[in-house]
Amino acid sequence: MTNNFIEARKKLMGAEYHLNKMIKAYPDDRFILDIELDGFLTTVRSSLDVLLEDANQYYKFGIPLDIPLNVPFKKGENDYFKEVAFSKNNSNAIKFYDWYQREKGKLSKDPVYKVLLSYEGLRNVSEHRRCAAPDMAKMTMSENISMKETWIIEKYDSTGKLIETDRISDVNESNVTQQLPSTTEWFFSQLPAMGMIQTCQDLLNKLTSFVDDAEYQLTPN
């Protein structure tokens, strides 16, 4: 596979970097966990926008960096990228942009995307209101289980009469004590079926597939 989306893939690599930091901090270091989640959400989301700049370079449109590519330059016009593609009579670039918008629309309906990256999602909250963080925890508490062996020795005389009873207990409990470790799993309450690490990995996989698929849509005019 060719690699025309260099900047978009840099963003995905940055998101993977933040995810790996989250994995190392999980589950106990909430300070680092929240900071890296913030960075992950911002970086992974921007890969979709940066992908269009890669396409701008591929088609040699020369659209300046201070002009948004996916919004109309003037009211009533197409998005700026598509408007330039029309002005240059570049049908392949038009097809690419239509594919981009169509697939992005499908992605926006994905439950993980909606919770983390939509306008109402966690990334937008983290940029404008507070640091991103999981909001649900499942905990397994520790418990000690002690087990003893007790032997009862009974002595009988020749007539069969019980004359003595001895009870012997194992005093070395350390060999039979089991400790169940306490664990904490963090979740996003709107996605209770997946832990936060699994959820972020799922999102990264989806956006990586999006960029991979985009490679096949690029066709020179």
C-alpha atoms as a PDB file:
ATOM      1  CA  MET A   1       0.000   0.000   0.000  1.00  0.00           C
ATOM      2  CA  THR A   2       1.239   3.500  -0.854  1.00  0.00           C
ATOM      3  CA  ASN A   3       1.425   6.107   1.883  1.00  0.00           C
ATOM      4  CA  ASN A   4      -0.040   9.369   0.654  1.00  0.00           C
ATOM      5  CA  PHE A   5      -1.551  10.328   4.007  1.00  0.00           C
ATOM      6  CA  ILE A   6       1.675  11.058   5.850  1.00  0.00           C
ATOM      7  CA  GLU A   7       0.291  13.751   8.152  1.00  0.00           C
ATOM      8  CA  ALA A   8      -2.856  11.754   8.969  1.00  0.00           C
ATOM      9  CA  ARG A   9      -0.738   8.739   9.888  1.00  0.00           C
ATOM     10  CA  LYS A  10       1.439  10.922  12.120  1.00  0.00           C
ATOM     11  CA  LYS A  11      -1.718  11.814  14.011  1.00  0.00           C
ATOM     12  CA  LEU A  12      -2.637   8.133  14.336  1.00  0.00           C
ATOM     13  CA  MET A  13       0.870   7.376  15.612  1.00  0.00           C
ATOM     14  CA  GLY A  14       0.473  10.185  18.142  1.00  0.00           C
ATOM     15  CA  ALA A  15      -2.848   8.712  19.271  1.00  0.00           C
ATOM     16  CA  GLU A  16      -1.212   5.297  19.668  1.00  0.00           C
ATOM     17  CA  TYR A  17       1.542   6.920  21.755  1.00  0.00           C
ATOM     18  CA  HIS A  18      -1.053   8.403  24.125  1.00  0.00           C
ATOM     19  CA  LEU A  19      -2.891   5.069  24.273  1.00  0.00           C
ATOM     20  CA  ASN A  20       0.286   3.226  25.259  1.00  0.00           C
ATOM     21  CA  LYS A  21       0.853   5.783  28.035  1.00  0.00           C
ATOM     22  CA  MET A  22      -2.692   5.142  29.211  1.00  0.00           C
ATOM     23  CA  ILE A  23      -2.075   1.391  29.293  1.00  0.00           C
ATOM     24  CA  LYS A  24       1.016   1.892  31.472  1.00  0.00           C
ATOM     25  CA  ALA A  25      -0.853   4.165  33.886  1.00  0.00           C
ATOM     26  CA  TYR A  26      -3.953   1.945  34.034  1.00  0.00           C
ATOM     27  CA  PRO A  27      -5.777   1.559  36.344  1.00  0.00           C
ATOM     28  CA  ASP A  28      -4.278   3.310  39.364  1.00  0.00           C
ATOM     29  CA  ASP A  29      -2.629   6.530  38.146  1.00  0.00           C
ATOM     30  CA  ARG A  30      -5.726   8.549  37.359  1.00  0.00           C
ATOM     31  CA  PHE A  31      -3.805  11.810  36.904  1.00  0.00           C
ATOM     32  CA  ILE A  32      -1.700  10.436  34.037  1.00  0.00           C
ATOM     33  CA  LEU A  33      -4.620   8.398  32.738  1.00  0.00           C
ATOM     34  CA  ASP A  34      -6.832  11.473  32.329  1.00  0.00           C
ATOM     35  CA  ILE A  35      -4.081  13.598  30.779  1.00  0.00           C
ATOM     36  CA  GLU A  36      -3.225  10.934  28.216  1.00  0.00           C
ATOM     37  CA  LEU A  37      -6.906  10.355  27.438  1.00  0.00           C
ATOM     38  CA  ASP A  38      -7.202  14.076  26.693  1.00  0.00           C
ATOM     39  CA  GLY A  39      -4.263  13.883  24.290  1.00  0.00           C
ATOM     40  CA  PHE A  40      -5.555  10.695  22.699  1.00  0.00           C
ATOM     41  CA  LEU A  41      -9.001  12.113  21.900  1.00  0.00           C
ATOM     42  CA  THR A  42      -7.642  15.336  20.401  1.00  0.00           C
ATOM     43  CA  THR A  43      -4.999  13.595  18.289  1.00  0.00           C
ATOM     44  CA  VAL A  44      -7.111  10.722  17.000  1.00  0.00           C
ATOM     45  CA  ARG A  45      -9.943  13.069  15.983  1.00  0.00           C
ATOM     46  CA  SER A  46      -7.669  15.455  14.113  1.00  0.00           C
ATOM     47  CA  SER A  47      -6.514  12.609  11.839  1.00  0.00           C
ATOM     48  CA  LEU A  48      -9.778  12.987   9.898  1.00  0.00           C
ATOM     49  CA  ASP A  49      -9.179  16.699   9.239  1.00  0.00           C
ATOM     50  CA  VAL A  50      -5.476  16.298   8.484  1.00  0.00           C
ATOM     51  CA  LEU A  51      -6.370  13.599   5.940  1.00  0.00           C
ATOM     52  CA  LEU A  52      -7.945  16.319   3.785  1.00  0.00           C
ATOM     53  CA  GLU A  53      -4.742  18.364   3.902  1.00  0.00           C
ATOM     54  CA  ASP A  54      -2.872  15.294   2.655  1.00  0.00           C
ATOM     55  CA  ALA A  55      -5.382  15.113  -0.198  1.00  0.00           C
ATOM     56  CA  ASN A  56      -4.840  18.831  -0.848  1.00  0.00           C
ATOM     57  CA  GLN A  57      -1.136  18.105  -1.269  1.00  0.00           C
ATOM     58  CA  TYR A  58      -1.764  14.997  -3.382  1.00  0.00           C
ATOM     59  CA  TYR A  59      -3.942  16.870  -5.887  1.00  0.00           C
ATOM     60  CA  LYS A  60      -1.623  19.925  -5.755  1.00  0.00           C
ATOM     61  CA  PHE A  61      -4.508  22.303  -5.076  1.00  0.00           C
ATOM     62  CA  GLY A  62      -2.333  24.658  -3.037  1.00  0.00           C
ATOM     63  CA  ILE A  63      -5.136  25.627  -0.660  1.00  0.00           C
ATOM     64  CA  PRO A  64      -3.547  27.762   2.105  1.00  0.00           C
ATOM     65  CA  LEU A  65      -3.382  26.400   5.648  1.00  0.00           C
ATOM     66  CA  ASP A  66      -5.547  29.217   7.016  1.00  0.00           C
ATOM     67  CA  ILE A  67      -8.549  28.161   4.901  1.00  0.00           C
ATOM     68  CA  PRO A  68     -10.717  25.327   6.295  1.00  0.00           C
ATOM     69  CA  LEU A  69     -11.065  22.578   3.713  1.00  0.00           C
ATOM     70  CA  ASN A  70     -14.369  21.067   4.779  1.00  0.00           C
ATOM     71  CA  VAL A  71     -16.539  24.175   5.188  1.00  0.00           C
ATOM     72  CA  PRO A  72     -17.876  26.568   2.515  1.00  0.00           C
ATOM     73  CA  PHE A  73     -15.684  29.590   1.813  1.00  0.00           C
ATOM     74  CA  LYS A  74     -18.833  31.537   0.956  1.00  0.00           C
ATOM     75  CA  LYS A  75     -22.435  30.917   1.939  1.00  0.00           C
ATOM     76  CA  GLY A  76     -24.240  28.721  -0.553  1.00  0.00           C
ATOM     77  CA  GLU A  77     -21.069  27.241  -2.052  1.00  0.00           C
ATOM     78  CA  ASN A  78     -19.659  23.743  -1.773  1.00  0.00           C
ATOM     79  CA  ASP A  79     -17.059  23.011   0.882  1.00  0.00           C
ATOM     80  CA  TYR A  80     -13.824  24.727  -0.124  1.00  0.00           C
ATOM     81  CA  PHE A  81     -11.974  21.538  -1.113  1.00  0.00           C
ATOM     82  CA  LYS A  82     -14.795  20.501  -3.435  1.00  0.00           C
ATOM     83  CA  GLU A  83     -15.154  24.018  -4.833  1.00  0.00           C
ATOM     84  CA  VAL A  84     -11.488  24.040  -5.830  1.00  0.00           C
ATOM     85  CA  ALA A  85     -11.855  20.555  -7.316  1.00  0.00           C
ATOM     86  CA  PHE A  86     -14.734  21.838  -9.470  1.00  0.00           C
ATOM     87  CA  SER A  87     -12.777  24.907 -10.526  1.00  0.00           C
ATOM     88  CA  LYS A  88      -9.925  22.667 -11.678  1.00  0.00           C
ATOM     89  CA  ASN A  89     -12.302  20.202 -13.329  1.00  0.00           C
ATOM     90  CA  ASN A  90     -10.752  17.412 -11.245  1.00  0.00           C
ATOM     91  CA  SER A  91     -13.410  14.693 -11.229  1.00  0.00           C
ATOM     92  CA  ASN A  92     -11.290  12.261  -9.220  1.00  0.00           C
ATOM     93  CA  ALA A  93     -10.808  14.781  -6.441  1.00  0.00           C
ATOM     94  CA  ILE A  94     -14.574  15.383  -6.408  1.00  0.00           C
ATOM     95  CA  LYS A  95     -15.203  11.643  -6.120  1.00  0.00           C
ATOM     96  CA  PHE A  96     -12.673  11.405  -3.327  1.00  0.00           C
ATOM     97  CA  TYR A  97     -14.296  14.209  -1.357  1.00  0.00           C
ATOM     98  CA  ASP A  98     -17.763  12.725  -1.817  1.00  0.00           C
ATOM     99  CA  TRP A  99     -16.429   9.383  -0.557  1.00  0.00           C
ATOM    100  CA  TYR A 100     -14.797  11.133   2.398  1.00  0.00           C
ATOM    101  CA  GLN A 101     -17.987  12.882   3.466  1.00  0.00           C
ATOM    102  CA  ARG A 102     -20.112   9.761   2.956  1.00  0.00           C
ATOM    103  CA  GLU A 103     -17.811   7.500   5.009  1.00  0.00           C
ATOM    104  CA  LYS A 104     -17.342  10.142   7.674  1.00  0.00           C
ATOM    105  CA  GLY A 105     -21.116  10.307   7.996  1.00  0.00           C
ATOM    106  CA  LYS A 106     -21.253   6.542   8.516  1.00  0.00           C
ATOM    107  CA  LEU A 107     -18.471   6.741  11.091  1.00  0.00           C
ATOM    108  CA  SER A 108     -20.312   9.444  13.017  1.00  0.00           C
ATOM    109  CA  LYS A 109     -23.127   6.960  13.705  1.00  0.00           C
ATOM    110  CA  ASP A 110     -20.786   4.424  15.306  1.00  0.00           C
ATOM    111  CA  PRO A 111     -21.543   4.199  19.073  1.00  0.00           C
ATOM    112  CA  VAL A 112     -17.883   4.528  20.126  1.00  0.00           C
ATOM    113  CA  TYR A 113     -17.339   7.515  17.819  1.00  0.00           C
ATOM    114  CA  LYS A 114     -20.511   9.199  19.079  1.00  0.00           C
ATOM    115  CA  VAL A 115     -19.546   8.887  22.742  1.00  0.00           C
ATOM    116  CA  LEU A 116     -15.930   9.973  22.316  1.00  0.00           C
ATOM    117  CA  LEU A 117     -15.700  12.237  19.256  1.00  0.00           C
ATOM    118  CA  SER A 118     -19.103  13.670  18.340  1.00  0.00           C
ATOM    119  CA  TYR A 119     -20.025  17.295  19.026  1.00  0.00           C
ATOM    120  CA  GLU A 120     -21.717  16.157  22.242  1.00  0.00           C
ATOM    121  CA  GLY A 121     -18.936  13.671  22.978  1.00  0.00           C
ATOM    122  CA  LEU A 122     -16.096  13.556  25.439  1.00  0.00           C
ATOM    123  CA  ARG A 123     -13.486  15.199  23.198  1.00  0.00           C
ATOM    124  CA  ASN A 124     -15.578  18.343  22.851  1.00  0.00           C
ATOM    125  CA  VAL A 125     -16.148  18.406  26.608  1.00  0.00           C
ATOM    126  CA  SER A 126     -12.412  18.023  27.221  1.00  0.00           C
ATOM    127  CA  GLU A 127     -11.567  20.939  24.937  1.00  0.00           C
ATOM    128  CA  HIS A 128     -14.078  23.401  26.334  1.00  0.00           C
ATOM    129  CA  ARG A 129     -15.163  22.351  29.829  1.00  0.00           C
ATOM    130  CA  ARG A 130     -12.946  19.933  31.757  1.00  0.00           C
ATOM    131  CA  CYS A 131     -10.332  17.219  31.435  1.00  0.00           C
ATOM    132  CA  ALA A 132     -11.518  13.996  29.815  1.00  0.00           C
ATOM    133  CA  ALA A 133     -12.047  11.078  32.190  1.00  0.00           C
ATOM    134  CA  PRO A 134     -13.891   7.776  32.450  1.00  0.00           C
ATOM    135  CA  ASP A 135     -16.996   8.137  34.598  1.00  0.00           C
ATOM    136  CA  MET A 136     -17.696   4.607  35.783  1.00  0.00           C
ATOM    137  CA  ALA A 137     -15.661   2.089  37.759  1.00  0.00           C
ATOM    138  CA  LYS A 138     -16.136  -1.595  38.468  1.00  0.00           C
ATOM    139  CA  MET A 139     -14.254  -2.816  41.496  1.00  0.00           C
ATOM    140  CA  THR A 140     -13.438  -6.264  42.854  1.00  0.00           C
ATOM    141  CA  MET A 141     -12.559  -6.056  46.532  1.00  0.00           C
ATOM    142  CA  SER A 142      -9.852  -8.168  48.159  1.00  0.00           C
ATOM    143  CA  GLU A 143     -10.791 -10.962  50.524  1.00  0.00           C
ATOM    144  CA  ASN A 144      -8.795 -13.384  52.664  1.00  0.00           C
ATOM    145  CA  ILE A 145      -9.959 -16.951  52.885  1.00  0.00           C
ATOM    146  CA  SER A 146      -8.339 -18.988  55.657  1.00  0.00           C
ATOM    147  CA  MET A 147      -8.585 -22.742  55.667  1.00  0.00           C
ATOM    148  CA  LYS A 148      -7.632 -25.114  58.490  1.00  0.00           C
ATOM    149  CA  GLU A 149      -7.544 -28.862  58.739  1.00  0.00           C
ATOM    150  CA  THR A 150      -8.861 -30.247  62.013  1.00  0.00           C
ATOM    151  CA  TRP A 151      -8.258 -33.863  63.073  1.00  0.00           C
ATOM    152  CA  ILE A 152     -10.344 -35.566  65.766  1.00  0.00           C
ATOM    153  CA  ILE A 153      -8.689 -38.599  67.414  1.00  0.00           C
ATOM    154  CA  GLU A 154     -10.940 -40.846  69.497  1.00  0.00           C
ATOM    155  CA  LYS A 155      -9.677 -43.598  71.815  1.00  0.00           C
ATOM    156  CA  TYR A 156     -11.804 -46.556  72.924  1.00  0.00           C
ATOM    157  CA  ASP A 157     -11.192 -49.235  75.559  1.00  0.00           C
ATOM    158  CA  SER A 158     -11.515 -52.962  74.967  1.00  0.00           C
ATOM    159  CA  THR A 159     -15.243 -52.828  75.573  1.00  0.00           C
ATOM    160  CA  GLY A 160     -15.749 -50.191  72.918  1.00  0.00           C
ATOM    161  CA  LYS A 161     -16.298 -47.343  75.359  1.00  0.00           C
ATOM    162  CA  LEU A 162     -15.011 -43.897  74.315  1.00  0.00           C
ATOM    163  CA  ILE A 163     -12.400 -42.906  76.858  1.00  0.00           C
ATOM    164  CA  GLU A 164     -10.556 -39.954  75.202  1.00  0.00           C
ATOM    165  CA  THR A 165     -11.034 -37.406  72.437  1.00  0.00           C
ATOM    166  CA  ASP A 166      -8.249 -35.232  71.038  1.00  0.00           C
ATOM    167  CA  ARG A 167      -8.780 -32.347  68.570  1.00  0.00           C
ATOM    168  CA  ILE A 168      -5.709 -31.327  66.532  1.00  0.00           C
ATOM    169  CA  SER A 169      -5.799 -28.227  64.281  1.00  0.00           C
ATOM    170  CA  ASP A 170      -3.267 -27.140  61.674  1.00  0.00           C
ATOM    171  CA  VAL A 171      -1.725 -23.953  63.063  1.00  0.00           C
ATOM    172  CA  ASN A 172       0.291 -23.119  59.930  1.00  0.00           C
ATOM    173  CA  GLU A 173      -2.385 -21.096  58.140  1.00  0.00           C
ATOM    174  CA  SER A 174       0.002 -19.258  55.806  1.00  0.00           C
ATOM    175  CA  ASN A 175       0.222 -22.270  53.545  1.00  0.00           C
ATOM    176  CA  VAL A 176      -3.494 -22.414  52.979  1.00  0.00           C
ATOM    177  CA  THR A 177      -4.456 -18.731  52.974  1.00  0.00           C
ATOM    178  CA  GLN A 178      -5.680 -17.413  49.617  1.00  0.00           C
ATOM    179  CA  GLN A 179      -5.812 -13.707  48.846  1.00  0.00           C
ATOM    180  CA  LEU A 180      -8.013 -12.488  46.039  1.00  0.00           C
ATOM    181  CA  PRO A 181      -6.432  -9.324  44.518  1.00  0.00           C
ATOM    182  CA  SER A 182      -8.514  -6.163  44.335  1.00  0.00           C
ATOM    183  CA  THR A 183      -8.949  -4.778  40.835  1.00  0.00           C
ATOM    184  CA  THR A 184     -10.443  -1.625  39.329  1.00  0.00           C
ATOM    185  CA  GLU A 185     -11.757  -1.366  35.790  1.00  0.00           C
ATOM    186  CA  TRP A 186     -12.610   2.041  34.296  1.00  0.00           C
ATOM    187  CA  PHE A 187     -15.445   2.537  31.822  1.00  0.00           C
ATOM    188  CA  PHE A 188     -17.374   5.217  29.975  1.00  0.00           C
ATOM    189  CA  SER A 189     -20.899   4.875  31.347  1.00  0.00           C
ATOM    190  CA  GLN A 190     -22.466   5.109  27.884  1.00  0.00           C
ATOM    191  CA  LEU A 191     -20.353   2.134  26.771  1.00  0.00           C
ATOM    192  CA  PRO A 192     -20.512  -0.199  29.773  1.00  0.00           C
ATOM    193  CA  ALA A 193     -19.696  -3.345  27.799  1.00  0.00           C
ATOM    194  CA  MET A 194     -16.090  -2.283  27.071  1.00  0.00           C
ATOM    195  CA  GLY A 195     -13.376  -1.009  29.388  1.00  0.00           C
ATOM    196  CA  MET A 196     -11.881   2.394  28.562  1.00  0.00           C
ATOM    197  CA  ILE A 197      -8.661   0.944  27.102  1.00  0.00           C
ATOM    198  CA  GLN A 198     -10.587  -1.442  24.862  1.00  0.00           C
ATOM    199  CA  THR A 199     -12.893   1.393  23.796  1.00  0.00           C
ATOM    200  CA  CYS A 200     -10.003   3.682  22.843  1.00  0.00           C
ATOM    201  CA  GLN A 201      -8.263   0.860  20.974  1.00  0.00           C
ATOM    202  CA  ASP A 202     -11.482   0.181  19.070  1.00  0.00           C
ATOM    203  CA  LEU A 203     -11.728   3.840  18.066  1.00  0.00           C
ATOM    204  CA  LEU A 204      -8.087   3.948  16.942  1.00  0.00           C
ATOM    205  CA  ASN A 205      -8.622   0.821  14.846  1.00  0.00           C
ATOM    206  CA  LYS A 206     -11.650   2.357  13.151  1.00  0.00           C
ATOM    207  CA  LEU A 207      -9.855   5.586  12.238  1.00  0.00           C
ATOM    208  CA  THR A 208      -6.807   3.664  11.043  1.00  0.00           C
ATOM    209  CA  SER A 209      -9.083   1.653   8.749  1.00  0.00           C
ATOM    210  CA  PHE A 210     -10.613   4.911   7.523  1.00  0.00           C
ATOM    211  CA  VAL A 211      -7.190   6.228   6.486  1.00  0.00           C
ATOM    212  CA  ASP A 212      -6.250   2.874   4.949  1.00  0.00           C
ATOM    213  CA  ASP A 213      -9.446   2.869   2.882  1.00  0.00           C
ATOM    214  CA  ALA A 214      -8.808   6.452   1.784  1.00  0.00           C
ATOM    215  CA  GLU A 215      -5.572   5.323   0.101  1.00  0.00           C
ATOM    216  CA  TYR A 216      -7.623   3.308  -2.388  1.00  0.00           C
ATOM    217  CA  GLN A 217      -9.823   6.303  -3.187  1.00  0.00           C
ATOM    218  CA  LEU A 218      -6.981   8.569  -4.316  1.00  0.00           C
ATOM    219  CA  THR A 219      -6.714   8.589  -8.098  1.00  0.00           C
ATOM    220  CA  PRO A 220      -4.657  11.143 -10.029  1.00  0.00           C
ATOM    221  CA  ASN A 221      -6.645  13.175 -12.537  1.00  0.00           C
END
